């Protein structure tokens, strides 16, 4: 068999990612989007026949051109550019271990560096803003009640938008010690406790929307199908825009789905919750990732400065006579 690049791309997606690495469907879809983008670029811009790509059809120079195209023509952010590059590097690491003739090409592509980007300031709501935002939906209306529960759930569980979209009834344990099992990146599961208030709200919600099938999605859109992350973002932004009109002195930042997650982490930190527990709630693999909240939270910084500045109050080590003797000694040197 004449193994071309298309052969390995097919194997990578159909066998390696799901069966060898065991990555989630969402991760596969994300990787797929990168290759769709790359292949469209090769076809439309570089005029290559993407149905029969030779193993040496793509090299590091072409990938660098593609990355520049994403920034200049597609107006993608540097973050998106780096994410695309990470996916491409992953594929060529896979290819290098299976096709020795491509060793140099694969190595050169893997050596393409990420582009430096400015660290973004985390966008999150204050506790007062969160209270305002969550209580904006008209809960007397069915969809308004759904939006209220959705926003409350997003905040209290600090879930990712995709975790919320994928949430099914069987993931909710609404007994005495209620919790939700969230399925995050790489199919990693974590249990997040639910407050009594949230548990009771969810029970009312499930009854209102007659959600009884264990495999049924908890949150659905107006067509009674699974929410997308874009649909969740639309709901959040709708109420943020409403809040900006009603409260002109608040909601000054640009917000996204992740802002709810950031907000919960910040508020737990401000309440004195240990970073280890916040890490577990967020589902971070490493505490280093969670530390960003401590580093960027101005309230925590101010608290630490005030606490430790008390230790810096200098006391005189010399009496007046000792100072005079010391001055005299120094002057006579």
Protein backbone atom coordinates (compact mmCIF):
# COMPACT_ATOMS: atom_id res chain seq x y z
CA UNK A 1 0.00 0.00 0.00
CA UNK A 2 1.27 3.47 -0.91
CA UNK A 3 0.86 5.26 2.41
CA UNK A 4 0.37 8.98 1.86
CA UNK A 5 -0.39 11.76 4.34
CA UNK A 6 -4.13 11.21 4.01
CA UNK A 7 -3.70 7.63 5.20
CA UNK A 8 -1.98 8.71 8.41
CA UNK A 9 -4.42 11.54 9.06
CA UNK A 10 -7.29 9.05 8.80
CA UNK A 11 -5.55 6.60 11.14
CA UNK A 12 -4.73 9.38 13.58
CA UNK A 13 -8.39 10.35 13.96
CA UNK A 14 -10.05 6.96 13.65
CA UNK A 15 -7.65 4.88 15.75
CA UNK A 16 -4.89 6.75 17.57
CA UNK A 17 -6.86 9.53 19.26
CA UNK A 18 -9.92 7.51 20.38
CA UNK A 19 -8.38 4.06 20.91
CA UNK A 20 -4.75 4.61 21.87
CA UNK A 21 -4.89 7.96 23.65
CA UNK A 22 -8.54 7.61 24.69
CA UNK A 23 -9.29 11.29 24.26
CA UNK A 24 -12.82 12.63 24.49
CA UNK A 25 -15.15 13.29 21.59
CA UNK A 26 -14.87 17.01 22.22
CA UNK A 27 -11.08 16.87 21.97
CA UNK A 28 -11.30 14.91 18.71
CA UNK A 29 -13.72 17.49 17.35
CA UNK A 30 -11.35 20.28 18.34
CA UNK A 31 -8.42 18.54 16.62
CA UNK A 32 -10.60 17.89 13.58
CA UNK A 33 -11.38 21.61 13.29
CA UNK A 34 -7.66 22.36 13.09
CA UNK A 35 -7.15 19.90 10.25
CA UNK A 36 -10.21 21.15 8.39
CA UNK A 37 -8.76 24.65 8.63
CA UNK A 38 -5.30 23.49 7.52
CA UNK A 39 -6.59 21.43 4.59
CA UNK A 40 -8.80 24.29 3.39
CA UNK A 41 -5.73 26.52 3.46
CA UNK A 42 -3.71 23.99 1.44
CA UNK A 43 -6.50 23.61 -1.08
CA UNK A 44 -7.64 27.21 -1.51
CA UNK A 45 -4.49 29.22 -0.85
CA UNK A 46 -1.70 26.79 -1.84
CA UNK A 47 -3.71 25.06 -4.59
CA UNK A 48 -2.71 21.58 -3.46
CA UNK A 49 -4.70 18.44 -4.15
CA UNK A 50 -5.73 17.58 -0.60
CA UNK A 51 -7.14 14.18 -1.65
CA UNK A 52 -3.67 12.82 -2.37
CA UNK A 53 -1.05 14.53 -0.23
CA UNK A 54 2.43 13.05 -0.30
CA UNK A 55 4.29 12.62 2.99
CA UNK A 56 6.55 15.55 2.15
CA UNK A 57 3.74 17.84 0.96
CA UNK A 58 3.80 19.75 4.22
CA UNK A 59 6.93 21.09 5.90
CA UNK A 60 7.74 23.58 8.64
CA UNK A 61 7.85 26.55 6.24
CA UNK A 62 4.37 25.80 4.95
CA UNK A 63 3.04 25.43 8.51
CA UNK A 64 4.61 28.77 9.44
CA UNK A 65 2.88 30.35 6.43
CA UNK A 66 -0.40 28.80 7.55
CA UNK A 67 0.00 30.20 11.06
CA UNK A 68 0.69 33.66 9.66
CA UNK A 69 -2.39 33.30 7.46
CA UNK A 70 -4.51 32.56 10.53
CA UNK A 71 -3.36 35.80 12.16
CA UNK A 72 -3.33 38.18 9.21
CA UNK A 73 -6.15 36.92 7.00
CA UNK A 74 -8.45 35.02 9.34
CA UNK A 75 -7.84 37.48 12.21
CA UNK A 76 -7.39 34.64 14.70
CA UNK A 77 -5.92 35.45 18.09
CA UNK A 78 -2.41 34.38 19.04
CA UNK A 79 -4.00 31.95 21.49
CA UNK A 80 -5.94 30.28 18.66
CA UNK A 81 -2.79 30.22 16.53
CA UNK A 82 -0.89 28.44 19.29
CA UNK A 83 -3.72 25.96 19.83
CA UNK A 84 -3.72 25.07 16.12
CA UNK A 85 0.04 24.61 16.24
CA UNK A 86 -0.21 22.32 19.28
CA UNK A 87 -2.61 20.03 17.38
CA UNK A 88 -0.35 19.95 14.32
CA UNK A 89 2.68 19.17 16.50
CA UNK A 90 0.75 16.32 18.12
CA UNK A 91 0.00 14.77 14.73
CA UNK A 92 3.60 15.02 13.56
CA UNK A 93 4.83 13.45 16.78
CA UNK A 94 2.51 10.55 15.95
CA UNK A 95 3.73 10.42 12.35
CA UNK A 96 7.43 10.53 13.35
CA UNK A 97 7.02 7.28 15.28
CA UNK A 98 5.42 5.52 12.32
CA UNK A 99 7.23 6.78 9.24
CA UNK A 100 11.01 7.10 9.54
CA UNK A 101 11.28 8.72 6.11
CA UNK A 102 9.52 11.77 7.58
CA UNK A 103 11.81 12.11 10.57
CA UNK A 104 13.38 15.42 9.56
CA UNK A 105 10.10 17.00 8.41
CA UNK A 106 8.33 15.94 11.61
CA UNK A 107 11.17 17.17 13.81
CA UNK A 108 11.27 20.57 12.09
CA UNK A 109 7.51 21.03 12.47
CA UNK A 110 7.70 20.06 16.14
CA UNK A 111 10.37 22.72 16.66
CA UNK A 112 8.10 25.57 15.51
CA UNK A 113 7.75 27.71 18.64
CA UNK A 114 4.59 29.10 20.14
CA UNK A 115 4.15 32.80 19.61
CA UNK A 116 4.41 34.84 22.77
CA UNK A 117 1.26 36.54 23.87
CA UNK A 118 0.43 38.99 26.60
CA UNK A 119 -1.03 37.41 29.70
CA UNK A 120 -4.74 38.13 29.78
CA UNK A 121 -6.30 39.60 32.87
CA UNK A 122 -8.90 37.15 34.13
CA UNK A 123 -12.39 38.49 33.54
CA UNK A 124 -14.72 37.75 36.43
CA UNK A 125 -17.77 39.16 38.22
CA UNK A 126 -17.77 40.62 41.70
CA UNK A 127 -20.01 38.89 44.26
CA UNK A 128 -22.50 41.72 43.90
CA UNK A 129 -22.46 41.45 40.09
CA UNK A 130 -23.01 37.70 40.26
CA UNK A 131 -26.03 38.19 42.51
CA UNK A 132 -27.46 40.78 40.12
CA UNK A 133 -26.78 38.67 37.02
CA UNK A 134 -28.27 35.41 38.30
CA UNK A 135 -31.44 37.15 39.45
CA UNK A 136 -32.12 38.95 36.15
CA UNK A 137 -34.05 36.15 34.36
CA UNK A 138 -37.86 36.27 34.64
CA UNK A 139 -38.35 33.07 36.60
CA UNK A 140 -42.14 33.22 36.21
CA UNK A 141 -41.57 32.32 32.56
CA UNK A 142 -40.43 28.81 31.71
CA UNK A 143 -37.38 29.80 29.68
CA UNK A 144 -36.54 32.48 32.21
CA UNK A 145 -36.55 29.87 34.95
CA UNK A 146 -34.28 27.65 32.83
CA UNK A 147 -31.86 30.56 32.34
CA UNK A 148 -31.85 31.26 36.08
CA UNK A 149 -31.02 27.64 36.92
CA UNK A 150 -28.41 27.48 34.17
CA UNK A 151 -26.59 30.60 35.41
CA UNK A 152 -26.81 29.51 39.05
CA UNK A 153 -25.50 26.04 38.20
CA UNK A 154 -22.63 27.44 36.11
CA UNK A 155 -21.52 29.66 38.94
CA UNK A 156 -21.93 27.36 41.95
CA UNK A 157 -20.31 24.31 40.30
CA UNK A 158 -17.66 26.33 38.38
CA UNK A 159 -18.28 24.01 35.44
CA UNK A 160 -16.99 24.56 31.94
CA UNK A 161 -19.55 25.42 29.28
CA UNK A 162 -19.01 22.09 27.52
CA UNK A 163 -19.47 20.24 30.82
CA UNK A 164 -22.77 22.06 31.25
CA UNK A 165 -23.89 21.27 27.71
CA UNK A 166 -23.06 17.58 28.16
CA UNK A 167 -24.74 17.28 31.58
CA UNK A 168 -27.30 14.45 31.79
CA UNK A 169 -29.69 13.53 34.57
CA UNK A 170 -27.65 10.49 35.65
CA UNK A 171 -24.76 12.80 36.61
CA UNK A 172 -26.86 14.41 39.35
CA UNK A 173 -26.99 12.86 42.80
CA UNK A 174 -29.74 14.73 44.66
CA UNK A 175 -29.82 12.75 47.88
CA UNK A 176 -28.96 14.14 51.32
CA UNK A 177 -25.34 14.91 50.41
CA UNK A 178 -26.03 16.17 46.90
CA UNK A 179 -23.32 16.44 44.26
CA UNK A 180 -22.85 16.49 40.51
CA UNK A 181 -20.35 14.36 38.59
CA UNK A 182 -18.79 16.60 35.96
CA UNK A 183 -16.92 15.09 33.02
CA UNK A 184 -14.11 17.39 31.99
CA UNK A 185 -11.20 17.41 29.59
CA UNK A 186 -9.85 13.99 28.72
CA UNK A 187 -12.98 12.37 30.18
CA UNK A 188 -11.71 13.13 33.68
CA UNK A 189 -14.51 13.03 36.25
CA UNK A 190 -14.87 15.04 39.43
CA UNK A 191 -17.62 15.31 42.01
CA UNK A 192 -18.68 18.82 42.99
CA UNK A 193 -20.95 19.25 46.05
CA UNK A 194 -24.28 21.02 45.58
CA UNK A 195 -25.66 23.41 48.18
CA UNK A 196 -29.12 22.71 49.57
CA UNK A 197 -30.41 25.77 47.75
CA UNK A 198 -29.06 24.63 44.39
CA UNK A 199 -30.31 21.08 44.96
CA UNK A 200 -33.84 22.30 45.66
CA UNK A 201 -33.77 24.60 42.64
CA UNK A 202 -32.64 21.72 40.41
CA UNK A 203 -35.37 19.43 41.74
CA UNK A 204 -37.98 22.07 40.92
CA UNK A 205 -36.41 22.57 37.50
CA UNK A 206 -36.43 18.86 36.66
CA UNK A 207 -40.08 18.65 37.66
CA UNK A 208 -41.00 21.76 35.65
CA UNK A 209 -39.35 20.44 32.49
CA UNK A 210 -40.33 16.80 33.13
CA UNK A 211 -36.77 15.52 32.85
CA UNK A 212 -36.94 11.87 33.98
CA UNK A 213 -34.77 9.90 31.52
CA UNK A 214 -31.33 9.24 33.02
CA UNK A 215 -29.60 9.87 29.68
CA UNK A 216 -31.57 13.06 29.03
CA UNK A 217 -29.71 16.36 28.82
CA UNK A 218 -30.53 18.58 31.77
CA UNK A 219 -30.33 21.86 29.87
CA UNK A 220 -31.92 22.13 26.44
CA UNK A 221 -32.40 24.93 23.94
CA UNK A 222 -35.67 26.17 22.44
CA UNK A 223 -35.72 23.25 19.98
CA UNK A 224 -35.56 20.84 22.95
CA UNK A 225 -32.10 19.61 21.95
CA UNK A 226 -28.70 19.77 23.60
CA UNK A 227 -27.22 23.21 24.16
CA UNK A 228 -24.03 24.14 22.36
CA UNK A 229 -21.37 26.22 24.09
CA UNK A 230 -22.33 29.06 21.74
CA UNK A 231 -25.93 28.77 22.91
CA UNK A 232 -24.82 28.98 26.54
CA UNK A 233 -22.66 31.97 25.71
CA UNK A 234 -25.63 33.65 24.05
CA UNK A 235 -27.70 33.33 27.25
CA UNK A 236 -24.92 34.66 29.44
CA UNK A 237 -24.19 37.62 27.18
CA UNK A 238 -27.90 38.45 26.92
CA UNK A 239 -28.12 39.00 30.66
CA UNK A 240 -24.74 40.72 30.84
CA UNK A 241 -25.90 43.27 28.26
CA UNK A 242 -29.12 43.72 30.20
CA UNK A 243 -27.15 44.25 33.41
CA UNK A 244 -24.85 46.81 31.75
CA UNK A 245 -27.89 48.90 30.84
CA UNK A 246 -29.47 48.65 34.29
CA UNK A 247 -26.25 49.08 36.29
CA UNK A 248 -24.01 51.51 34.45
CA UNK A 249 -21.41 51.59 37.22
CA UNK A 250 -20.87 47.81 37.08
CA UNK A 251 -20.08 45.05 34.57
CA UNK A 252 -17.16 46.96 33.02
CA UNK A 253 -15.23 43.97 31.65
CA UNK A 254 -15.63 41.76 28.61
CA UNK A 255 -17.10 38.44 29.72
CA UNK A 256 -17.26 34.88 28.39
CA UNK A 257 -18.56 31.51 29.59
CA UNK A 258 -15.34 31.07 31.52
CA UNK A 259 -16.04 34.25 33.50
CA UNK A 260 -18.55 32.34 35.64
CA UNK A 261 -15.91 29.73 36.41
CA UNK A 262 -13.30 32.40 37.16
CA UNK A 263 -15.78 34.20 39.41
CA UNK A 264 -16.49 31.13 41.52
CA UNK A 265 -12.78 30.42 41.94
CA UNK A 266 -12.05 34.02 42.94
CA UNK A 267 -14.91 34.19 45.43
CA UNK A 268 -13.92 30.88 47.06
CA UNK A 269 -10.38 32.17 47.35
CA UNK A 270 -11.55 35.44 48.89
CA UNK A 271 -13.57 33.42 51.41
CA UNK A 272 -10.41 31.66 52.56
CA UNK A 273 -10.95 28.29 50.84
CA UNK A 274 -7.65 26.45 50.33
CA UNK A 275 -6.28 26.36 46.77
CA UNK A 276 -6.18 22.55 46.92
CA UNK A 277 -9.99 22.38 47.23
CA UNK A 278 -10.47 25.04 44.56
CA UNK A 279 -8.23 22.99 42.27
CA UNK A 280 -10.40 19.92 42.82
CA UNK A 281 -13.62 21.84 42.18
CA UNK A 282 -12.25 23.30 38.96
CA UNK A 283 -10.81 19.97 37.85
CA UNK A 284 -7.28 21.26 37.32
CA UNK A 285 -4.57 18.62 37.02
CA UNK A 286 -1.98 20.80 38.70
CA UNK A 287 -2.20 23.32 41.54
CA UNK A 288 0.05 25.58 39.43
CA UNK A 289 -2.89 26.24 37.10
CA UNK A 290 -5.09 27.20 40.03
CA UNK A 291 -2.46 29.54 41.48
CA UNK A 292 -3.23 32.07 38.74
CA UNK A 293 -6.29 33.10 40.77
CA UNK A 294 -4.20 33.92 43.81
CA UNK A 295 -1.69 35.83 41.68
CA UNK A 296 -4.28 38.01 39.94
CA UNK A 297 -6.83 38.62 42.71
CA UNK A 298 -6.37 42.19 44.01
CA UNK A 299 -8.24 41.49 47.27
CA UNK A 300 -5.90 38.60 48.11
CA UNK A 301 -2.87 40.71 47.23
CA UNK A 302 -4.05 43.59 49.40
CA UNK A 303 -4.78 41.24 52.30
CA UNK A 304 -1.33 39.70 52.11
CA UNK A 305 0.40 43.09 51.91
CA UNK A 306 -1.52 44.43 54.91
CA UNK A 307 -0.88 41.31 56.97
CA UNK A 308 2.83 41.12 56.26
CA UNK A 309 3.48 44.84 56.37
CA UNK A 310 2.84 44.68 60.13
CA UNK A 311 6.03 42.68 60.42
CA UNK A 312 8.01 45.46 58.76
CA UNK A 313 7.55 48.11 61.44
CA UNK A 314 11.19 48.93 62.26
CA UNK A 315 12.14 49.60 65.87
CA UNK A 316 15.13 51.64 66.97
CA UNK A 317 18.12 49.45 67.72
CA UNK A 318 20.22 52.20 69.22
CA UNK A 319 19.65 54.64 72.04
CA UNK A 320 20.31 58.35 71.49
CA UNK A 321 23.68 58.13 73.25
CA UNK A 322 24.65 55.11 71.17
CA UNK A 323 23.69 56.99 67.98
CA UNK A 324 25.89 59.92 69.02
CA UNK A 325 28.79 57.59 69.78
CA UNK A 326 28.30 55.86 66.43
CA UNK A 327 28.20 59.15 64.54
CA UNK A 328 31.32 60.33 66.32
CA UNK A 329 33.06 57.07 65.47
CA UNK A 330 32.11 57.34 61.80
CA UNK A 331 33.12 60.99 61.58
CA UNK A 332 36.54 60.25 63.02
CA UNK A 333 37.28 57.41 60.61
